[in-house]
Amino acid sequence: MILLVNMDDQLLAAPPRDKRRWIYRIPLCGGCCAPTESPERTPLRRLGNEFTLPAANCCESYRCRSYFEHARLCVRVGGLGVASFARSRWRARIMLCSASIQLVSTLLYVIGALAMSTDESLVRTFAWASFELWSSELNVTGSVQLGIQSRVVSLRGVAFNGSHFVLDPAGVIHNTVRWDNTSCFQYTSAPSALVEACSACRHSMHASVSFILLSIIAQVPTISTNLQRTTPYADVNCQKFMGIATGLCGLFTGLMTLRSFGYDCWRSVPNVTTLGPYKFSFTGKGGTGFFLFLVGICLKITDVLAHLLLPTPAPKRQPVEPGLSFSAYLQRCPEITVFGAPVESQRGTLDDGTGTSAPPLEALPPPSTSNNPCSSVSTGVN
């Protein structure tokens, strides 16, 4: 009976579970509201902490964590880099710079994705491929801009017959044609090589839709990983490993996809072809949207280099005792940090070898897990 009473007392005394805990798991922004135990004294403690880790619920289980975070491969990869960067302000500088570059990459992706529109002006501006065509026999010139969902055809020197083409004041007729199933075969007089090239490009355009959307979505965990590694407390081996692996994978698959697209949509198009009894010449090249994506993908190289340069904290690479809690594992880096660099209590300077002055330890407010802008409930990681 006494045992039951004691158990009831413990249950009544236990702090209630925060019902808004799921908010803390939202990538990039959830950790800003989390009652973190991070000893970082700058806003970086809100950008990377125990709540902003992907699969944080799995991290709280030692058995689950042992398959990736404490695995020999992740630990060895975590040790790669320049050791002096791990305990200096270069840690935050490198990761914040990498996150900023990936934000620029995301912006390039979004602008390049405007070619998915069927609006004629957007397709012209952000086309993924474009052609110039002419026929000296007919004194006809024109251009074709290829978007993801449609293409714009413009011709000069052709009589306007009231068809789907629109005549502008400059005397150029133009029309927007969607990449439907028969759009490459509506001109029965076109040679087979041109029809096959058009069909291959149509299939490549359809496949590019998922490629574009996945590329934009994948930037969220990429930027989140960079922010996670800005402080020693939040930095873990698996985040560095995944940052390198996903960066290399995204770089390779992105370049291969764009290479295949370039071959299908302009390199395979014959330079000279006949339409009826007349000869037409074509010159094709990549468009604005294509090169925006190419630059965005190449920027992944900087992200991979940033992860390779910065090793994880040495305590995170030491052997762990079975059953070690996630909270205790993160507390292996308990030092108070400012901008990712430990603060020395005796001298009040940053331990980066530069002698940069920092506020004395006594002047800094003590860490508080209740300093939570979104909730007054303070919940640690069990």
Protein backbone atom coordinates (compact mmCIF):
# COMPACT_ATOMS: atom_id res chain seq x y z
CA MET A 1 0.00 0.00 0.00
CA ILE A 2 2.85 2.34 0.85
CA LEU A 3 4.50 1.44 -2.44
CA LEU A 4 1.37 2.39 -4.36
CA VAL A 5 1.12 5.68 -2.52
CA ASN A 6 4.76 6.48 -3.26
CA MET A 7 4.26 5.69 -6.93
CA ASP A 8 1.20 7.94 -7.04
CA ASP A 9 3.16 10.71 -5.38
CA GLN A 10 5.91 10.37 -7.96
CA LEU A 11 3.41 10.47 -10.79
CA LEU A 12 1.76 13.55 -9.35
CA ALA A 13 5.13 15.21 -8.84
CA ALA A 14 6.33 14.47 -12.39
CA PRO A 15 6.31 17.51 -14.68
CA PRO A 16 3.63 17.40 -17.35
CA ARG A 17 4.76 16.56 -20.86
CA ASP A 18 4.76 19.58 -23.15
CA LYS A 19 1.94 19.05 -25.64
CA ARG A 20 3.64 21.42 -28.06
CA ARG A 21 6.80 19.31 -28.20
CA TRP A 22 6.08 18.41 -31.85
CA ILE A 23 6.56 22.07 -32.74
CA TYR A 24 10.19 21.82 -31.66
CA ARG A 25 10.83 19.17 -34.34
CA ILE A 26 9.91 21.40 -37.29
CA PRO A 27 13.07 21.80 -39.43
CA LEU A 28 14.86 25.16 -39.32
CA CYS A 29 12.29 26.95 -37.15
CA GLY A 30 11.10 24.46 -34.49
CA GLY A 31 14.29 24.66 -32.46
CA CYS A 32 13.84 28.40 -32.05
CA CYS A 33 11.01 27.64 -29.63
CA ALA A 34 12.68 24.72 -27.88
CA PRO A 35 13.76 24.87 -24.21
CA THR A 36 17.28 23.79 -25.12
CA GLU A 37 20.08 22.97 -22.68
CA SER A 38 22.73 24.25 -25.10
CA PRO A 39 25.52 26.26 -23.37
CA GLU A 40 25.88 28.51 -26.44
CA ARG A 41 25.29 32.17 -25.47
CA THR A 42 24.34 33.56 -28.89
CA PRO A 43 21.22 33.00 -31.03
CA LEU A 44 23.05 30.04 -32.56
CA ARG A 45 21.67 27.97 -29.66
CA ARG A 46 18.26 28.35 -31.32
CA LEU A 47 19.47 27.31 -34.77
CA GLY A 48 21.15 24.09 -33.65
CA ASN A 49 20.28 22.10 -30.54
CA GLU A 50 18.96 18.73 -29.37
CA PHE A 51 15.54 19.42 -30.86
CA THR A 52 16.66 20.41 -34.37
CA LEU A 53 18.35 17.09 -35.12
CA PRO A 54 16.60 15.00 -37.78
CA ALA A 55 15.07 11.85 -36.29
CA ALA A 56 15.61 13.27 -32.81
CA ASN A 57 13.27 10.66 -31.33
CA CYS A 58 15.56 7.94 -32.67
CA CYS A 59 18.60 9.77 -31.27
CA GLU A 60 17.13 9.53 -27.78
CA SER A 61 17.36 5.73 -28.00
CA TYR A 62 20.89 4.43 -27.45
CA ARG A 63 20.18 1.28 -29.45
CA CYS A 64 18.93 3.26 -32.43
CA ARG A 65 21.74 5.78 -32.11
CA SER A 66 24.41 3.07 -32.04
CA TYR A 67 23.65 2.13 -35.66
CA PHE A 68 24.65 5.51 -37.07
CA GLU A 69 25.97 8.11 -34.61
CA HIS A 70 28.32 5.74 -32.76
CA ALA A 71 29.09 3.57 -35.80
CA ARG A 72 32.78 3.31 -36.66
CA LEU A 73 32.34 4.82 -40.13
CA CYS A 74 30.51 7.91 -38.86
CA VAL A 75 33.04 8.42 -36.07
CA ARG A 76 35.98 8.22 -38.47
CA VAL A 77 34.36 10.59 -40.93
CA GLY A 78 33.61 12.93 -38.03
CA GLY A 79 37.33 13.18 -37.27
CA LEU A 80 38.23 14.43 -40.76
CA GLY A 81 39.16 18.08 -41.05
CA VAL A 82 41.28 20.82 -39.49
CA ALA A 83 41.35 20.25 -35.73
CA SER A 84 41.84 23.93 -34.85
CA PHE A 85 38.53 24.84 -36.52
CA ALA A 86 36.56 22.68 -34.08
CA ARG A 87 37.30 24.96 -31.09
CA SER A 88 37.27 28.41 -32.67
CA ARG A 89 34.93 30.88 -34.24
CA TRP A 90 35.81 29.36 -37.58
CA ARG A 91 33.28 26.65 -36.74
CA ALA A 92 30.32 29.02 -36.89
CA ARG A 93 31.80 31.05 -39.74
CA ILE A 94 32.27 28.03 -41.97
CA MET A 95 28.84 26.57 -41.32
CA LEU A 96 26.96 29.86 -41.56
CA CYS A 97 28.79 30.71 -44.79
CA SER A 98 27.87 27.30 -46.18
CA ALA A 99 24.24 27.74 -45.14
CA SER A 100 24.17 31.16 -46.84
CA ILE A 101 25.56 29.69 -50.06
CA GLN A 102 22.90 26.99 -49.98
CA LEU A 103 20.24 29.68 -49.55
CA VAL A 104 21.56 31.28 -52.73
CA SER A 105 21.46 27.86 -54.39
CA THR A 106 17.83 27.44 -53.32
CA LEU A 107 16.98 30.84 -54.80
CA LEU A 108 18.59 29.81 -58.10
CA TYR A 109 16.51 26.61 -58.08
CA VAL A 110 13.30 28.51 -57.47
CA ILE A 111 14.00 31.01 -60.25
CA GLY A 112 14.93 28.21 -62.64
CA ALA A 113 11.70 26.42 -61.72
CA LEU A 114 9.70 29.33 -63.17
CA ALA A 115 10.13 27.55 -66.50
CA MET A 116 7.46 25.12 -65.27
CA SER A 117 4.91 27.85 -65.96
CA THR A 118 2.92 27.93 -69.18
CA ASP A 119 3.03 31.72 -69.27
CA GLU A 120 4.73 32.78 -72.51
CA SER A 121 6.84 35.56 -70.99
CA LEU A 122 8.17 33.29 -68.21
CA VAL A 123 8.97 30.50 -70.65
CA ARG A 124 10.87 32.94 -72.87
CA THR A 125 12.85 34.36 -69.94
CA PHE A 126 13.63 31.17 -68.01
CA ALA A 127 13.66 28.57 -70.80
CA TRP A 128 15.81 25.49 -70.24
CA ALA A 129 16.80 25.31 -73.91
CA SER A 130 16.46 27.57 -76.92
CA PHE A 131 16.89 27.29 -80.67
CA GLU A 132 17.48 29.72 -83.49
CA LEU A 133 16.22 28.56 -86.89
CA TRP A 134 16.35 30.00 -90.38
CA SER A 135 15.81 29.14 -94.02
CA SER A 136 17.72 31.15 -96.62
CA GLU A 137 15.48 29.74 -99.34
CA LEU A 138 12.31 31.13 -97.75
CA ASN A 139 13.91 34.09 -95.98
CA VAL A 140 12.31 32.83 -92.76
CA THR A 141 13.85 33.18 -89.30
CA GLY A 142 12.56 32.11 -85.93
CA SER A 143 13.27 30.86 -82.45
CA VAL A 144 12.00 28.18 -80.07
CA GLN A 145 12.20 28.46 -76.26
CA LEU A 146 11.69 25.21 -74.39
CA GLY A 147 10.07 25.31 -70.96
CA ILE A 148 9.28 22.38 -68.69
CA GLN A 149 5.54 22.32 -69.44
CA SER A 150 5.42 24.11 -72.81
CA ARG A 151 7.48 25.69 -75.57
CA VAL A 152 7.19 29.02 -77.39
CA VAL A 153 7.62 29.12 -81.18
CA SER A 154 8.27 32.47 -82.90
CA LEU A 155 8.57 32.95 -86.69
CA ARG A 156 9.38 35.96 -88.87
CA GLY A 157 8.74 36.07 -92.60
CA VAL A 158 5.74 33.71 -92.51
CA ALA A 159 2.26 34.81 -93.57
CA PHE A 160 -0.29 34.93 -90.75
CA ASN A 161 -3.26 32.71 -91.60
CA GLY A 162 -5.38 33.19 -88.48
CA SER A 163 -4.27 29.93 -86.84
CA HIS A 164 -3.31 29.49 -83.18
CA PHE A 165 -0.32 31.76 -83.76
CA VAL A 166 -0.52 35.37 -82.58
CA LEU A 167 0.77 38.26 -84.70
CA ASP A 168 2.59 40.99 -82.77
CA PRO A 169 3.20 44.59 -83.95
CA ALA A 170 6.75 43.71 -85.04
CA GLY A 171 5.42 41.28 -87.62
CA VAL A 172 6.45 38.16 -85.70
CA ILE A 173 3.98 35.34 -85.19
CA HIS A 174 4.32 33.24 -82.07
CA ASN A 175 2.50 30.45 -80.28
CA THR A 176 2.78 28.55 -77.00
CA VAL A 177 2.53 24.77 -77.39
CA ARG A 178 2.19 22.41 -74.43
CA TRP A 179 4.22 19.22 -74.21
CA ASP A 180 1.20 16.98 -74.72
CA ASN A 181 1.36 13.44 -76.06
CA THR A 182 0.99 14.43 -79.73
CA SER A 183 2.84 17.76 -79.77
CA CYS A 184 5.95 16.25 -81.36
CA PHE A 185 4.04 14.51 -84.13
CA GLN A 186 1.61 17.13 -85.35
CA TYR A 187 3.82 18.04 -88.29
CA THR A 188 3.69 14.90 -90.42
CA SER A 189 6.13 16.31 -92.98
CA ALA A 190 8.93 16.62 -90.39
CA PRO A 191 11.82 14.16 -90.84
CA SER A 192 12.07 11.23 -88.44
CA ALA A 193 15.31 12.50 -86.82
CA LEU A 194 13.63 15.75 -85.80
CA VAL A 195 10.54 13.95 -84.53
CA GLU A 196 12.66 11.54 -82.46
CA ALA A 197 14.66 14.42 -80.97
CA CYS A 198 11.45 16.25 -80.07
CA SER A 199 9.99 13.13 -78.47
CA ALA A 200 13.15 12.51 -76.42
CA CYS A 201 13.12 16.10 -75.19
CA ARG A 202 9.44 15.83 -74.26
CA HIS A 203 10.14 12.78 -72.07
CA SER A 204 13.14 14.54 -70.51
CA MET A 205 10.99 17.59 -69.72
CA HIS A 206 8.38 15.45 -67.98
CA ALA A 207 11.09 13.75 -65.90
CA SER A 208 12.55 17.15 -64.98
CA VAL A 209 9.42 18.10 -63.02
CA SER A 210 10.18 15.67 -60.19
CA PHE A 211 13.89 16.52 -60.38
CA ILE A 212 13.18 20.23 -59.90
CA LEU A 213 10.78 19.74 -56.99
CA LEU A 214 13.04 17.27 -55.18
CA SER A 215 16.05 19.56 -55.63
CA ILE A 216 14.22 22.42 -53.94
CA ILE A 217 12.84 20.27 -51.11
CA ALA A 218 16.26 18.69 -50.45
CA GLN A 219 17.70 22.11 -49.66
CA VAL A 220 15.77 22.20 -46.37
CA PRO A 221 17.74 19.37 -44.65
CA THR A 222 20.95 20.62 -46.29
CA ILE A 223 20.64 24.06 -44.68
CA SER A 224 19.40 22.50 -41.42
CA THR A 225 22.53 20.33 -41.25
CA ASN A 226 24.78 23.36 -41.66
CA LEU A 227 23.02 25.22 -38.85
CA GLN A 228 23.13 22.13 -36.64
CA ARG A 229 26.92 22.05 -36.78
CA THR A 230 27.51 25.68 -35.78
CA THR A 231 28.04 24.82 -32.08
CA PRO A 232 30.03 21.99 -30.43
CA TYR A 233 27.04 21.05 -28.28
CA ALA A 234 24.75 20.32 -31.25
CA ASP A 235 27.38 18.94 -33.63
CA VAL A 236 27.26 15.16 -34.05
CA ASN A 237 29.05 12.64 -36.27
CA CYS A 238 26.04 11.52 -38.26
CA GLN A 239 25.26 15.08 -39.34
CA LYS A 240 28.71 15.51 -40.84
CA PHE A 241 28.51 12.12 -42.54
CA MET A 242 25.07 12.86 -44.00
CA GLY A 243 26.15 16.35 -45.08
CA ILE A 244 29.03 14.90 -47.10
CA ALA A 245 27.08 11.92 -48.46
CA THR A 246 23.99 13.86 -49.53
CA GLY A 247 26.12 16.66 -50.98
CA LEU A 248 28.12 14.29 -53.16
CA CYS A 249 25.00 12.34 -54.15
CA GLY A 250 23.11 15.53 -55.05
CA LEU A 251 26.07 16.86 -57.02
CA PHE A 252 26.53 13.65 -59.02
CA THR A 253 22.86 12.96 -59.75
CA GLY A 254 22.18 16.61 -60.56
CA LEU A 255 25.02 16.86 -63.07
CA MET A 256 24.05 13.56 -64.68
CA THR A 257 20.43 14.67 -65.00
CA LEU A 258 21.38 17.98 -66.60
CA ARG A 259 23.82 16.23 -68.91
CA SER A 260 21.09 13.86 -70.08
CA PHE A 261 18.69 16.77 -70.49
CA GLY A 262 21.19 18.70 -72.61
CA TYR A 263 21.70 15.76 -74.93
CA ASP A 264 17.99 15.07 -75.34
CA CYS A 265 16.88 18.66 -75.85
CA TRP A 266 19.49 20.32 -78.04
CA ARG A 267 22.64 18.29 -78.69
CA SER A 268 20.73 15.52 -80.46
CA VAL A 269 18.79 17.92 -82.71
CA PRO A 270 20.17 17.88 -86.29
CA ASN A 271 21.79 21.12 -87.40
CA VAL A 272 20.16 20.97 -90.83
CA THR A 273 16.83 19.38 -91.68
CA THR A 274 14.17 19.60 -94.35
CA LEU A 275 10.53 20.55 -94.01
CA GLY A 276 8.92 19.66 -97.29
CA PRO A 277 11.18 20.83 -100.14
CA TYR A 278 12.94 23.48 -98.03
CA LYS A 279 16.02 23.30 -95.83
CA PHE A 280 16.07 24.71 -92.30
CA SER A 281 19.12 25.23 -90.09
CA PHE A 282 19.05 24.94 -86.29
CA THR A 283 21.43 26.07 -83.54
CA GLY A 284 20.55 25.01 -79.99
CA LYS A 285 21.91 25.93 -76.58
CA GLY A 286 21.01 25.77 -72.91
CA GLY A 287 18.64 28.38 -71.57
CA THR A 288 18.62 30.60 -68.50
CA GLY A 289 16.75 28.12 -66.30
CA PHE A 290 19.16 25.33 -67.21
CA PHE A 291 22.24 27.33 -66.24
CA LEU A 292 20.63 28.58 -63.03
CA PHE A 293 20.17 24.97 -61.96
CA LEU A 294 23.68 24.10 -63.10
CA VAL A 295 25.20 26.83 -60.92
CA GLY A 296 22.99 25.84 -57.98
CA ILE A 297 24.09 22.22 -58.23
CA CYS A 298 27.78 23.14 -58.51
CA LEU A 299 27.45 25.17 -55.29
CA LYS A 300 27.05 21.84 -53.48
CA ILE A 301 30.81 21.49 -53.80
CA THR A 302 31.24 24.27 -51.24
CA ASP A 303 28.89 22.48 -48.83
CA VAL A 304 30.86 19.23 -49.07
CA LEU A 305 34.15 21.09 -48.53
CA ALA A 306 32.74 22.89 -45.49
CA HIS A 307 31.79 19.59 -43.85
CA LEU A 308 35.18 18.06 -44.71
CA LEU A 309 37.07 21.01 -43.20
CA LEU A 310 35.23 21.00 -39.87
CA PRO A 311 35.69 17.95 -37.61
CA THR A 312 33.19 17.06 -34.95
CA PRO A 313 34.17 17.73 -31.30
CA ALA A 314 36.69 15.21 -29.97
CA PRO A 315 34.46 14.10 -27.03
CA LYS A 316 31.77 13.06 -29.53
CA ARG A 317 34.28 10.67 -31.13
CA GLN A 318 35.26 8.91 -27.91
CA PRO A 319 33.85 5.45 -27.06
CA VAL A 320 30.49 5.56 -25.32
CA GLU A 321 29.27 3.34 -22.55
CA PRO A 322 26.19 1.21 -23.36
CA GLY A 323 22.92 2.87 -22.49
CA LEU A 324 24.30 6.42 -22.51
CA SER A 325 21.41 8.86 -22.73
CA PHE A 326 21.24 11.37 -25.56
CA SER A 327 21.28 14.27 -23.12
CA ALA A 328 24.45 12.97 -21.47
CA TYR A 329 26.02 12.43 -24.88
CA LEU A 330 25.43 16.04 -25.92
CA GLN A 331 26.69 17.22 -22.52
CA ARG A 332 30.09 15.82 -23.43
CA CYS A 333 30.60 19.36 -24.73
CA PRO A 334 29.42 21.31 -21.66
CA GLU A 335 31.69 24.34 -22.16
CA ILE A 336 30.06 27.72 -22.45
CA THR A 337 30.53 28.91 -26.02
CA VAL A 338 30.17 32.20 -27.85
CA PHE A 339 29.70 31.94 -31.60
CA GLY A 340 30.71 28.28 -31.40
CA ALA A 341 34.01 28.91 -29.57
CA PRO A 342 34.60 27.93 -25.90
CA VAL A 343 35.06 30.80 -23.43
CA GLU A 344 37.94 30.59 -20.96
CA SER A 345 36.78 31.53 -17.47
CA GLN A 346 40.22 32.80 -16.32
CA ARG A 347 41.08 35.16 -19.19
CA GLY A 348 37.64 35.81 -20.70
CA THR A 349 38.95 35.31 -24.24
CA LEU A 350 37.99 33.02 -27.04
CA ASP A 351 40.07 29.90 -27.39
CA ASP A 352 40.87 30.39 -31.09
CA GLY A 353 44.46 31.56 -30.81
CA THR A 354 43.68 35.10 -31.91
CA GLY A 355 43.24 36.72 -28.51
CA THR A 356 39.88 38.15 -29.48
CA SER A 357 38.25 39.66 -26.44
CA ALA A 358 34.99 38.27 -25.16
CA PRO A 359 32.85 39.19 -22.16
CA PRO A 360 34.14 37.73 -18.89
CA LEU A 361 32.44 34.57 -17.80
CA GLU A 362 31.01 36.33 -14.76
CA ALA A 363 29.32 38.90 -17.00
CA LEU A 364 27.52 36.30 -19.03
CA PRO A 365 24.08 35.25 -17.82
CA PRO A 366 23.78 31.65 -16.68
CA PRO A 367 22.31 29.24 -19.23
CA SER A 368 18.59 28.85 -18.87
CA THR A 369 16.41 26.20 -20.38
CA SER A 370 13.32 28.18 -19.53
CA ASN A 371 14.24 31.05 -21.85
CA ASN A 372 11.71 29.91 -24.38
CA PRO A 373 9.86 32.45 -26.54
CA CYS A 374 7.12 29.99 -27.44
CA SER A 375 6.45 28.12 -24.24
CA SER A 376 6.90 28.57 -20.53
CA VAL A 377 7.26 24.82 -20.03
CA SER A 378 10.85 23.67 -19.81
CA THR A 379 11.37 20.16 -21.16
CA GLY A 380 14.73 18.45 -21.40
CA VAL A 381 15.69 15.43 -23.48
CA ASN A 382 15.18 12.22 -21.63
